[in-house]
Structure formats: structure tokens, C-alpha cells
C-alpha atoms as a PDB file:
ATOM      1  CA  MET A   1      29.729 -26.547 -10.764  1.00  0.00           C
ATOM      2  CA  ARG A   2      27.533 -28.002  -8.021  1.00  0.00           C
ATOM      3  CA  THR A   3      28.706 -25.253  -5.701  1.00  0.00           C
ATOM      4  CA  HIS A   4      27.306 -22.579  -8.117  1.00  0.00           C
ATOM      5  CA  ILE A   5      24.043 -24.438  -8.370  1.00  0.00           C
ATOM      6  CA  PHE A   6      23.647 -24.664  -4.585  1.00  0.00           C
ATOM      7  CA  MET A   7      24.522 -21.019  -4.141  1.00  0.00           C
ATOM      8  CA  ALA A   8      21.892 -20.035  -6.784  1.00  0.00           C
ATOM      9  CA  ILE A   9      19.277 -22.143  -5.066  1.00  0.00           C
ATOM     10  CA  GLY A  10      20.199 -20.650  -1.737  1.00  0.00           C
ATOM     11  CA  ALA A  11      19.957 -17.081  -3.053  1.00  0.00           C
ATOM     12  CA  LEU A  12      16.623 -17.754  -4.661  1.00  0.00           C
ATOM     13  CA  THR A  13      15.330 -19.225  -1.444  1.00  0.00           C
ATOM     14  CA  VAL A  14      16.429 -16.118   0.605  1.00  0.00           C
ATOM     15  CA  LEU A  15      14.885 -13.784  -1.971  1.00  0.00           C
ATOM     16  CA  LEU A  16      11.504 -15.676  -1.978  1.00  0.00           C
ATOM     17  CA  ALA A  17      11.504 -15.825   1.880  1.00  0.00           C
ATOM     18  CA  TRP A  18      12.152 -12.153   2.044  1.00  0.00           C
ATOM     19  CA  GLN A  19       9.306 -11.210  -0.239  1.00  0.00           C
ATOM     20  CA  LEU A  20       6.826 -13.357   1.651  1.00  0.00           C
ATOM     21  CA  THR A  21       7.601 -11.478   4.926  1.00  0.00           C
ATOM     22  CA  ASP A  22       6.911  -8.005   3.383  1.00  0.00           C
ATOM     23  CA  PRO A  23       5.151  -6.140   6.264  1.00  0.00           C
ATOM     24  CA  ALA A  24       2.586  -4.285   4.251  1.00  0.00           C
ATOM     25  CA  PRO A  25       0.510  -5.971   1.591  1.00  0.00           C
ATOM     26  CA  ALA A  26       0.467  -4.360  -1.901  1.00  0.00           C
ATOM     27  CA  GLN A  27      -3.234  -3.540  -1.518  1.00  0.00           C
ATOM     28  CA  ALA A  28      -2.685  -1.453   1.602  1.00  0.00           C
ATOM     29  CA  ARG A  29       0.085   0.596  -0.035  1.00  0.00           C
ATOM     30  CA  GLN A  30      -1.989   1.383  -3.158  1.00  0.00           C
ATOM     31  CA  ALA A  31      -3.356   4.852  -3.676  1.00  0.00           C
ATOM     32  CA  HIS A  32      -6.998   5.428  -4.369  1.00  0.00           C
ATOM     33  CA  SER A  33      -8.888   7.490  -6.918  1.00  0.00           C
ATOM     34  CA  TYR A  34     -10.419  10.875  -6.015  1.00  0.00           C
ATOM     35  CA  ASN A  35     -13.980   9.561  -6.352  1.00  0.00           C
ATOM     36  CA  TYR A  36     -13.281   6.671  -3.975  1.00  0.00           C
ATOM     37  CA  CYS A  37     -11.759   9.005  -1.411  1.00  0.00           C
ATOM     38  CA  TRP A  38     -14.497  11.575  -1.755  1.00  0.00           C
ATOM     39  CA  GLN A  39     -17.072   8.904  -1.206  1.00  0.00           C
ATOM     40  CA  ARG A  40     -15.251   7.766   1.965  1.00  0.00           C
ATOM     41  CA  ALA A  41     -15.154  11.338   3.276  1.00  0.00           C
ATOM     42  CA  TYR A  42     -18.847  11.727   2.516  1.00  0.00           C
ATOM     43  CA  ASN A  43     -19.777   8.558   4.289  1.00  0.00           C
ATOM     44  CA  ARG A  44     -17.742   9.625   7.345  1.00  0.00           C
ATOM     45  CA  GLY A  45     -19.749  12.909   7.551  1.00  0.00           C
ATOM     46  CA  TRP A  46     -17.254  15.430   6.333  1.00  0.00           C
ATOM     47  CA  GLU A  47     -18.838  18.681   5.144  1.00  0.00           C
ATOM     48  CA  ARG A  48     -18.282  19.502   1.534  1.00  0.00           C
ATOM     49  CA  ASN A  49     -15.257  21.655   0.575  1.00  0.00           C
ATOM     50  CA  THR A  50     -13.845  22.141   4.060  1.00  0.00           C
ATOM     51  CA  HIS A  51     -10.147  21.987   4.923  1.00  0.00           C
ATOM     52  CA  GLY A  52     -10.725  18.741   6.856  1.00  0.00           C
ATOM     53  CA  GLU A  53     -12.361  17.138   3.939  1.00  0.00           C
ATOM     54  CA  ARG A  54      -9.652  18.115   1.524  1.00  0.00           C
ATOM     55  CA  GLN A  55      -6.937  16.894   3.844  1.00  0.00           C
ATOM     56  CA  PHE A  56      -8.774  13.607   4.333  1.00  0.00           C
ATOM     57  CA  ILE A  57      -9.035  13.124   0.588  1.00  0.00           C
ATOM     58  CA  ARG A  58      -5.384  14.005   0.056  1.00  0.00           C
ATOM     59  CA  ARG A  59      -4.233  11.393   2.633  1.00  0.00           C
ATOM     60  CA  CYS A  60      -6.621   8.844   1.187  1.00  0.00           C
ATOM     61  CA  MET A  61      -5.333   9.371  -2.268  1.00  0.00           C
ATOM     62  CA  ARG A  62      -1.724   8.853  -1.074  1.00  0.00           C
ATOM     63  CA  GLY A  63      -2.788   5.575   0.510  1.00  0.00           C
ATOM     64  CA  GLN A  64      -1.988   6.767   4.052  1.00  0.00           C
ATOM     65  CA  ALA A  65      -3.825   5.433   7.046  1.00  0.00           C
ATOM     66  CA  GLN A  66      -6.998   7.231   7.984  1.00  0.00           C
END
């Protein structure tokens, strides 16, 4: 009985330690809204309705690095 308890505690400890060392925080992985991404493109000087602006917005909405 004690062996099972120690095994369960050990498994829980490993699980919690693994979650704490996740390389990318949840906020960095989250995708953004179209309006947020459009505003970022506008602030960076992208001209309206160009291929580069649309590509920037697509990548932003996927949550990919800019």
C-alpha cells in the first residue's frame, strides 16, 4: 500500500516539474485577433492591402514570431 502511495506522489512530482519547464509560455503561443494584428501592421508602417501586410497579419493571427 505504501509503495503505491509513493509511486503516485513520484508520478505527480514528475508531472508538475515537466509542466513548469514548458519552453514557451501560454501567452506566447496564443493567436491574436484580426484587429490586433492589423493595428500592429499599421504601427509598423505596412501599406494597406499589400501582400506583405496580409502575410504579416496571417502570421500574427497564427501566433508566429514576427
